Protein backbone atom coordinates (compact mmCIF):
# COMPACT_ATOMS: atom_id res chain seq x y z
CA UNK A 1 34.71 -29.36 29.67
CA UNK A 2 31.42 -31.21 30.16
CA UNK A 3 31.83 -34.85 29.30
CA UNK A 4 28.55 -36.75 29.33
CA UNK A 5 28.30 -40.10 31.09
CA UNK A 6 28.75 -43.04 28.78
CA UNK A 7 25.63 -44.82 27.68
CA UNK A 8 25.09 -47.86 29.95
CA UNK A 9 26.34 -50.46 27.45
CA UNK A 10 29.48 -48.46 26.70
CA UNK A 11 29.91 -47.70 30.37
CA UNK A 12 29.89 -51.35 31.32
CA UNK A 13 32.31 -52.14 28.51
CA UNK A 14 34.70 -49.45 29.73
CA UNK A 15 34.46 -50.54 33.33
CA UNK A 16 34.82 -54.15 32.26
CA UNK A 17 38.41 -53.52 31.25
CA UNK A 18 39.25 -51.92 34.54
CA UNK A 19 38.30 -53.99 37.54
CA UNK A 20 40.85 -56.62 38.30
CA UNK A 21 43.00 -54.09 39.98
CA UNK A 22 41.42 -50.84 41.18
CA UNK A 23 42.84 -50.79 44.71
CA UNK A 24 44.20 -49.20 48.03
CA UNK A 25 43.95 -48.68 51.92
CA UNK A 26 42.39 -45.76 53.61
CA UNK A 27 39.44 -46.71 55.73
CA UNK A 28 38.95 -47.24 59.39
CA UNK A 29 41.84 -46.35 61.71
CA UNK A 30 44.62 -46.75 59.15
CA UNK A 31 47.54 -44.44 59.92
CA UNK A 32 49.91 -44.82 56.97
CA UNK A 33 52.14 -42.01 58.19
CA UNK A 34 53.14 -44.14 61.16
CA UNK A 35 54.25 -47.11 59.05
CA UNK A 36 57.71 -47.25 57.52
CA UNK A 37 58.08 -49.57 54.54
CA UNK A 38 61.39 -50.44 52.94
CA UNK A 39 61.55 -48.92 49.45
CA UNK A 40 64.42 -48.14 47.06
CA UNK A 41 65.94 -44.67 47.38
CA UNK A 42 65.04 -42.90 44.15
CA UNK A 43 65.27 -39.11 43.85
CA UNK A 44 62.35 -37.03 42.63
CA UNK A 45 62.84 -34.54 39.81
CA UNK A 46 63.83 -31.11 41.14
CA UNK A 47 62.89 -29.13 38.05
CA UNK A 48 61.20 -29.50 34.70
CA UNK A 49 62.87 -29.23 31.33
CA UNK A 50 61.54 -28.91 27.80
CA UNK A 51 58.70 -31.25 26.93
CA UNK A 52 59.47 -34.22 24.74
CA UNK A 53 57.40 -35.17 21.71
CA UNK A 54 55.24 -37.85 23.33
CA UNK A 55 54.09 -39.56 26.50
CA UNK A 56 53.34 -43.27 26.75
CA UNK A 57 50.61 -44.21 29.21
CA UNK A 58 49.24 -47.50 30.54
CA UNK A 59 45.68 -46.80 31.67
CA UNK A 60 42.29 -48.20 32.50
CA UNK A 61 39.75 -47.93 29.72
CA UNK A 62 38.07 -44.52 29.85
CA UNK A 63 40.96 -42.67 31.50
CA UNK A 64 42.78 -41.46 28.37
CA UNK A 65 40.40 -40.34 25.64
CA UNK A 66 40.64 -37.96 22.64
CA UNK A 67 38.04 -35.67 24.24
CA UNK A 68 40.76 -34.35 26.55
CA UNK A 69 43.99 -35.90 25.23
CA UNK A 70 43.80 -34.02 21.92
CA UNK A 71 43.66 -30.68 23.71
CA UNK A 72 46.64 -31.68 25.83
CA UNK A 73 48.63 -32.39 22.66
CA UNK A 74 47.59 -29.06 21.19
CA UNK A 75 48.69 -27.26 24.37
CA UNK A 76 52.00 -29.05 24.97
CA UNK A 77 53.07 -30.75 21.75
CA UNK A 78 53.16 -34.07 23.61
CA UNK A 79 51.44 -36.80 21.59
CA UNK A 80 49.58 -39.17 23.91
CA UNK A 81 50.12 -42.88 23.23
CA UNK A 82 47.71 -45.03 25.23
CA UNK A 83 47.88 -48.71 26.13
CA UNK A 84 44.68 -49.98 27.77
CA UNK A 85 45.26 -52.62 30.43
CA UNK A 86 42.63 -55.02 31.73
CA UNK A 87 44.13 -55.87 35.13
CA UNK A 88 46.53 -54.51 37.71
CA UNK A 89 48.80 -57.49 37.09
CA UNK A 90 49.02 -56.50 33.44
CA UNK A 91 49.80 -52.91 34.38
CA UNK A 92 52.66 -54.01 36.61
CA UNK A 93 54.09 -56.23 33.88
CA UNK A 94 53.84 -53.47 31.27
CA UNK A 95 55.49 -50.88 33.52
CA UNK A 96 58.38 -53.26 34.12
CA UNK A 97 59.14 -53.38 30.39
CA UNK A 98 60.44 -49.82 30.50
CA UNK A 99 58.31 -48.83 27.52
CA UNK A 100 55.83 -46.64 29.41
CA UNK A 101 56.14 -43.34 31.23
CA UNK A 102 52.91 -43.28 33.24
CA UNK A 103 50.35 -45.67 34.65
CA UNK A 104 46.90 -45.08 36.14
CA UNK A 105 47.67 -47.47 38.98
CA UNK A 106 45.18 -48.84 41.45
CA UNK A 107 46.28 -49.51 45.01
CA UNK A 108 47.01 -53.18 44.53
CA UNK A 109 49.40 -52.34 41.71
CA UNK A 110 50.90 -49.17 43.14
CA UNK A 111 52.46 -50.67 46.25
CA UNK A 112 54.14 -53.36 44.18
CA UNK A 113 55.52 -50.75 41.80
CA UNK A 114 56.84 -48.60 44.64
CA UNK A 115 58.46 -51.38 46.65
CA UNK A 116 60.09 -52.87 43.56
CA UNK A 117 61.48 -49.52 42.43
CA UNK A 118 59.46 -49.34 39.21
CA UNK A 119 58.10 -45.85 39.90
CA UNK A 120 59.70 -42.72 41.28
CA UNK A 121 58.68 -40.20 43.95
CA UNK A 122 56.97 -37.10 42.60
CA UNK A 123 57.75 -33.44 43.19
CA UNK A 124 54.25 -32.09 43.77
CA UNK A 125 55.53 -28.51 43.51
CA UNK A 126 55.90 -29.21 39.79
CA UNK A 127 52.20 -30.16 39.60
CA UNK A 128 50.29 -26.94 40.45
CA UNK A 129 46.87 -28.56 40.09
CA UNK A 130 47.76 -30.98 42.89
CA UNK A 131 46.63 -28.47 45.48
CA UNK A 132 43.96 -27.64 48.01
CA UNK A 133 41.12 -28.74 45.69
CA UNK A 134 42.25 -32.38 45.76
CA UNK A 135 39.96 -34.09 48.25
CA UNK A 136 41.74 -34.78 51.52
CA UNK A 137 40.85 -38.47 51.61
CA UNK A 138 42.91 -39.09 48.48
CA UNK A 139 46.11 -37.53 49.81
CA UNK A 140 48.75 -39.24 51.88
CA UNK A 141 47.39 -42.77 51.60
CA UNK A 142 49.49 -45.88 52.15
CA UNK A 143 49.02 -47.13 48.62
CA UNK A 144 50.77 -44.14 47.02
CA UNK A 145 52.53 -42.17 49.77
CA UNK A 146 55.36 -43.89 51.64
CA UNK A 147 57.94 -42.59 54.11
CA UNK A 148 56.95 -39.00 53.36
CA UNK A 149 57.26 -39.38 49.59
CA UNK A 150 54.34 -38.94 47.21
CA UNK A 151 54.31 -41.51 44.41
CA UNK A 152 50.80 -41.02 43.02
CA UNK A 153 48.65 -38.13 41.80
CA UNK A 154 45.01 -39.02 42.57
CA UNK A 155 42.49 -39.52 39.76
CA UNK A 156 39.31 -40.88 41.35
CA UNK A 157 37.80 -43.34 43.83
CA UNK A 158 34.80 -45.53 44.58
CA UNK A 159 33.44 -47.98 47.15
CA UNK A 160 32.47 -51.62 46.79
CA UNK A 161 28.86 -51.32 47.90
CA UNK A 162 26.18 -53.91 48.73
CA UNK A 163 23.68 -54.01 45.87
CA UNK A 164 20.31 -55.70 46.21
CA UNK A 165 17.09 -56.29 44.32
CA UNK A 166 14.49 -54.53 46.48
CA UNK A 167 11.66 -56.62 45.01
CA UNK A 168 13.27 -59.74 46.50
CA UNK A 169 15.27 -58.29 49.39
CA UNK A 170 12.30 -56.40 50.74
CA UNK A 171 13.90 -55.43 54.06
CA UNK A 172 16.76 -53.07 53.29
CA UNK A 173 19.98 -54.68 54.61
CA UNK A 174 22.42 -52.72 56.75
CA UNK A 175 24.99 -55.49 57.22
CA UNK A 176 27.08 -57.77 55.04
CA UNK A 177 25.65 -60.72 56.98
CA UNK A 178 23.22 -61.38 54.11
CA UNK A 179 26.16 -62.46 51.93
CA UNK A 180 28.38 -64.15 54.53
CA UNK A 181 26.21 -66.07 57.00
CA UNK A 182 25.25 -69.62 56.02
CA UNK A 183 21.62 -69.07 57.07
CA UNK A 184 21.21 -66.20 54.60
CA UNK A 185 17.74 -66.36 53.00
CA UNK A 186 19.41 -65.39 49.71
CA UNK A 187 21.77 -68.37 49.51
CA UNK A 188 22.26 -69.33 45.88
CA UNK A 189 21.55 -65.76 44.73
CA UNK A 190 24.64 -63.99 46.07
CA UNK A 191 27.12 -62.15 43.80
CA UNK A 192 30.79 -62.02 44.83
CA UNK A 193 33.80 -60.36 43.26
CA UNK A 194 36.18 -62.69 41.44
CA UNK A 195 39.66 -61.81 42.72
CA UNK A 196 42.08 -62.70 45.51
CA UNK A 197 41.72 -59.13 46.80
CA UNK A 198 38.12 -60.07 47.72
CA UNK A 199 39.69 -61.79 50.73
CA UNK A 200 39.80 -58.30 52.25
CA UNK A 201 35.99 -58.16 52.15
CA UNK A 202 35.88 -61.27 54.32
CA UNK A 203 38.49 -59.74 56.63
CA UNK A 204 36.38 -56.61 57.12
CA UNK A 205 33.41 -58.74 58.14
CA UNK A 206 35.59 -60.69 60.58
CA UNK A 207 36.96 -57.46 62.08
CA UNK A 208 33.45 -56.68 63.28
CA UNK A 209 32.08 -60.14 64.03
CA UNK A 210 35.16 -62.01 65.27
CA UNK A 211 37.24 -59.32 67.01
CA UNK A 212 39.24 -61.96 68.89
CA UNK A 213 41.11 -62.58 65.62
CA UNK A 214 42.78 -59.21 66.12
CA UNK A 215 42.38 -57.95 62.55
CA UNK A 216 42.87 -54.18 62.43
CA UNK A 217 43.65 -53.80 58.73
CA UNK A 218 42.03 -56.13 56.16
CA UNK A 219 45.19 -56.08 54.04
CA UNK A 220 47.48 -57.07 56.94
CA UNK A 221 46.64 -60.70 57.71
CA UNK A 222 48.91 -63.18 59.42
CA UNK A 223 48.57 -66.89 58.70
CA UNK A 224 45.82 -67.44 61.26
CA UNK A 225 43.82 -64.44 60.10
CA UNK A 226 44.14 -65.40 56.44
CA UNK A 227 42.97 -68.92 57.29
CA UNK A 228 39.89 -67.51 59.05
CA UNK A 229 39.05 -65.28 56.08
CA UNK A 230 39.55 -68.21 53.70
CA UNK A 231 37.21 -70.37 55.77
CA UNK A 232 34.54 -67.67 55.62
CA UNK A 233 34.96 -67.43 51.85
CA UNK A 234 34.61 -71.19 51.51
CA UNK A 235 31.41 -71.01 53.53
CA UNK A 236 30.15 -68.30 51.19
CA UNK A 237 31.19 -70.26 48.12
CA UNK A 238 28.31 -72.68 48.60
CA UNK A 239 25.88 -69.74 48.43
CA UNK A 240 27.39 -67.80 45.52
CA UNK A 241 25.40 -67.56 42.31
CA UNK A 242 28.18 -65.88 40.37
CA UNK A 243 31.72 -64.59 40.86
CA UNK A 244 31.54 -61.43 38.81
CA UNK A 245 33.69 -59.17 36.69
CA UNK A 246 32.40 -55.72 35.65
CA UNK A 247 31.33 -57.18 32.33
CA UNK A 248 29.03 -59.70 34.06
CA UNK A 249 27.91 -57.85 37.20
CA UNK A 250 25.03 -55.96 35.61
CA UNK A 251 23.55 -58.94 33.78
CA UNK A 252 23.91 -61.08 36.89
CA UNK A 253 21.47 -58.77 38.65
CA UNK A 254 19.20 -57.82 35.77
CA UNK A 255 18.93 -61.43 34.64
CA UNK A 256 17.88 -62.56 38.09
CA UNK A 257 20.90 -64.80 38.71
CA UNK A 258 21.82 -62.65 41.73
CA UNK A 259 19.67 -60.63 44.09
CA UNK A 260 22.31 -59.34 46.52
CA UNK A 261 26.09 -58.94 46.59
CA UNK A 262 29.06 -56.68 46.03
CA UNK A 263 28.98 -54.11 43.24
CA UNK A 264 29.94 -50.57 42.26
CA UNK A 265 27.59 -47.59 42.16
CA UNK A 266 28.35 -47.15 38.46
CA UNK A 267 27.37 -50.76 37.78
CA UNK A 268 24.17 -50.45 39.78
CA UNK A 269 23.32 -47.33 37.81
CA UNK A 270 23.97 -49.21 34.57
CA UNK A 271 21.10 -51.59 35.36
CA UNK A 272 18.74 -48.69 34.52
CA UNK A 273 16.23 -50.09 37.00
CA UNK A 274 15.24 -48.38 40.24
CA UNK A 275 14.47 -51.68 41.95
CA UNK A 276 18.22 -52.20 42.36
CA UNK A 277 19.34 -50.36 45.49
CA UNK A 278 22.65 -50.03 47.29
CA UNK A 279 24.02 -49.44 50.76
CA UNK A 280 27.38 -49.11 52.47
CA UNK A 281 26.90 -51.60 55.33
CA UNK A 282 27.67 -50.88 58.97
CA UNK A 283 30.87 -52.96 58.91
CA UNK A 284 32.36 -50.72 56.23
CA UNK A 285 33.60 -51.90 52.84
CA UNK A 286 36.55 -52.24 50.53
CA UNK A 287 37.01 -49.73 47.73
CA UNK A 288 39.36 -48.57 45.02
CA UNK A 289 41.37 -45.46 44.26
CA UNK A 290 43.52 -44.74 41.23
CA UNK A 291 46.54 -42.49 40.76
CA UNK A 292 49.01 -41.47 38.06
CA UNK A 293 52.48 -42.88 38.73
CA UNK A 294 55.71 -42.07 36.90
CA UNK A 295 58.15 -44.77 35.79
CA UNK A 296 61.60 -44.60 37.39
CA UNK A 297 63.24 -44.71 33.96
CA UNK A 298 60.61 -42.66 32.12
CA UNK A 299 61.85 -41.54 28.72
CA UNK A 300 59.43 -38.60 28.61
CA UNK A 301 59.22 -37.28 32.18
CA UNK A 302 58.45 -33.68 31.25
CA UNK A 303 55.45 -34.62 29.15
CA UNK A 304 54.43 -37.00 31.94
CA UNK A 305 54.50 -34.22 34.53
CA UNK A 306 52.53 -32.00 32.15
CA UNK A 307 49.91 -34.76 31.76
CA UNK A 308 49.58 -35.26 35.53
CA UNK A 309 49.05 -31.54 35.99
CA UNK A 310 46.63 -31.20 33.07
CA UNK A 311 44.46 -34.12 34.18
CA UNK A 312 44.38 -32.83 37.76
CA UNK A 313 42.56 -29.65 36.69
CA UNK A 314 38.89 -29.75 37.74
CA UNK A 315 37.43 -29.83 34.23
CA UNK A 316 39.64 -32.63 32.94
CA UNK A 317 39.68 -34.66 36.13
CA UNK A 318 35.89 -34.39 36.21
CA UNK A 319 35.63 -35.53 32.60
CA UNK A 320 37.64 -38.65 33.43
CA UNK A 321 35.51 -39.32 36.51
CA UNK A 322 32.24 -38.94 34.62
CA UNK A 323 33.47 -41.05 31.74
CA UNK A 324 34.53 -43.90 33.97
CA UNK A 325 31.95 -43.57 36.73
CA UNK A 326 33.70 -42.60 39.99
CA UNK A 327 34.20 -39.75 42.41
CA UNK A 328 36.74 -37.22 41.02
CA UNK A 329 39.91 -36.39 42.91
CA UNK A 330 39.52 -32.65 42.32
CA UNK A 331 36.62 -31.47 44.45
CA UNK A 332 36.41 -28.15 42.59
CA UNK A 333 34.83 -30.02 39.69
CA UNK A 334 31.74 -30.57 41.83
CA UNK A 335 31.05 -26.82 41.89
CA UNK A 336 31.31 -26.21 38.14
CA UNK A 337 27.65 -26.77 37.22
CA UNK A 338 24.53 -28.72 38.10
CA UNK A 339 25.59 -31.78 36.10
CA UNK A 340 28.92 -31.93 37.91
CA UNK A 341 27.24 -31.52 41.30
CA UNK A 342 24.78 -34.31 40.55
CA UNK A 343 27.63 -36.61 39.55
CA UNK A 344 29.60 -35.82 42.69
CA UNK A 345 26.55 -36.32 44.90
CA UNK A 346 25.85 -39.71 43.34
CA UNK A 347 29.41 -40.93 43.91
CA UNK A 348 29.85 -39.26 47.34
CA UNK A 349 32.84 -37.48 45.86
CA UNK A 350 33.56 -35.03 48.70
CA UNK A 351 31.87 -36.92 51.55
CA UNK A 352 34.84 -37.87 53.72
CA UNK A 353 32.60 -39.37 56.41
CA UNK A 354 31.41 -41.83 53.78
CA UNK A 355 34.93 -42.75 52.65
CA UNK A 356 36.24 -43.09 56.19
CA UNK A 357 34.24 -46.33 56.20
CA UNK A 358 36.09 -47.59 53.11
CA UNK A 359 39.30 -49.60 53.12
CA UNK A 360 40.78 -48.93 49.69
CA UNK A 361 42.43 -51.95 48.09
CA UNK A 362 46.13 -52.34 48.84
CA UNK A 363 48.41 -55.19 47.90
CA UNK A 364 49.24 -57.29 50.96
CA UNK A 365 52.97 -57.70 51.51
CA UNK A 366 55.19 -59.63 53.95
CA UNK A 367 55.65 -56.50 56.03
CA UNK A 368 52.48 -56.02 58.07
CA UNK A 369 50.66 -52.89 56.94
CA UNK A 370 49.07 -52.53 60.38
CA UNK A 371 52.46 -51.84 61.93
CA UNK A 372 52.99 -55.24 63.61
CA UNK A 373 56.60 -56.37 63.73
CA UNK A 374 56.27 -59.54 65.81
CA UNK A 375 54.79 -61.56 62.94
CA UNK A 376 55.19 -61.82 59.19
CA UNK A 377 52.04 -61.08 57.27
CA UNK A 378 50.80 -62.93 54.24
CA UNK A 379 51.53 -61.49 50.81
CA UNK A 380 49.57 -61.33 47.58
CA UNK A 381 50.90 -64.70 46.40
CA UNK A 382 49.63 -66.23 49.64
CA UNK A 383 46.25 -64.63 48.95
CA UNK A 384 46.28 -65.92 45.40
CA UNK A 385 46.96 -69.44 46.64
CA UNK A 386 44.19 -69.15 49.23
CA UNK A 387 41.75 -67.83 46.62
CA UNK A 388 42.43 -70.88 44.46
CA UNK A 389 41.28 -73.11 47.31
CA UNK A 390 38.08 -71.08 47.64
CA UNK A 391 37.24 -71.27 43.95
CA UNK A 392 38.41 -74.87 43.67
């Protein structure tokens, strides 16, 4: 299946429904296998039965489309019912209603769903396409694999890169200092992401430039570390031209309101102007990774397993990745044809050295995700409260 990239306007519209939650943790020295997190004991399915008549899915816009869903229905008899969600918070709320079987969860949603018992562990032996072709950097991550149990089947990933207007920012930046330091020559023209999870971006910068704070994971912040990140964000606030959503990011740059700031590669590409460049700075960056997750009380688990397997095949997984604008989870897609290879090259799909620099969004919780047990870390509500003081 060769699914063409969306036209820029449609692409931005699709991405616009997806941002508030694409999330996870992978980058740097994270070692999720060494961290034990308290989760409900829920058994995984040990075998499949007959498929039901339907499967109900909560998904980001662009993940469940007739171009591949219709063929799935023809093959399995499972009618695909899609509910598009705009944020991770909405996804979590919808999954807790018990009306949906599957969700295309980002890392900030997935950890909440796992810890609260809303999703069940998966038997990957029942998903043949979850095999060697799935890129290694999307397996075994803290946001969807806990205590040896797999809860998520990877779909795709991307980094939060530094975008800049090369006609204004004439010296290519290699550090995030151009958006964080108060003497930045681009003050008043800096774009920043509008979400509490953006606190992690500040934490990554502090990891490099204030090592005495002891931050080793940008999603594991104690009170002192969160306060330092909040102070940095407040300093940046005076220089921000716009706090963006995917729907506004492109116009913020093309309209001249912003000349440098966080973005996605797919959004930079949507500007359709070569003067907009991007870089993954030396400090590293946050990023996002999405995975299919199965509701604990799914009414249609057999169709759900069939969907996870079907969409993990290289052709279908690649179609989703091209439609949305991200690196696919199935690396075999990249070898299918020249168009697929070009897409994978653009999004660094199989470049693990690139993604080792990326800390995929993960919901902060009271239990420190860096393994510390002598302190209690701040949780997402704490981050939400801190973000309100930044924006206020």
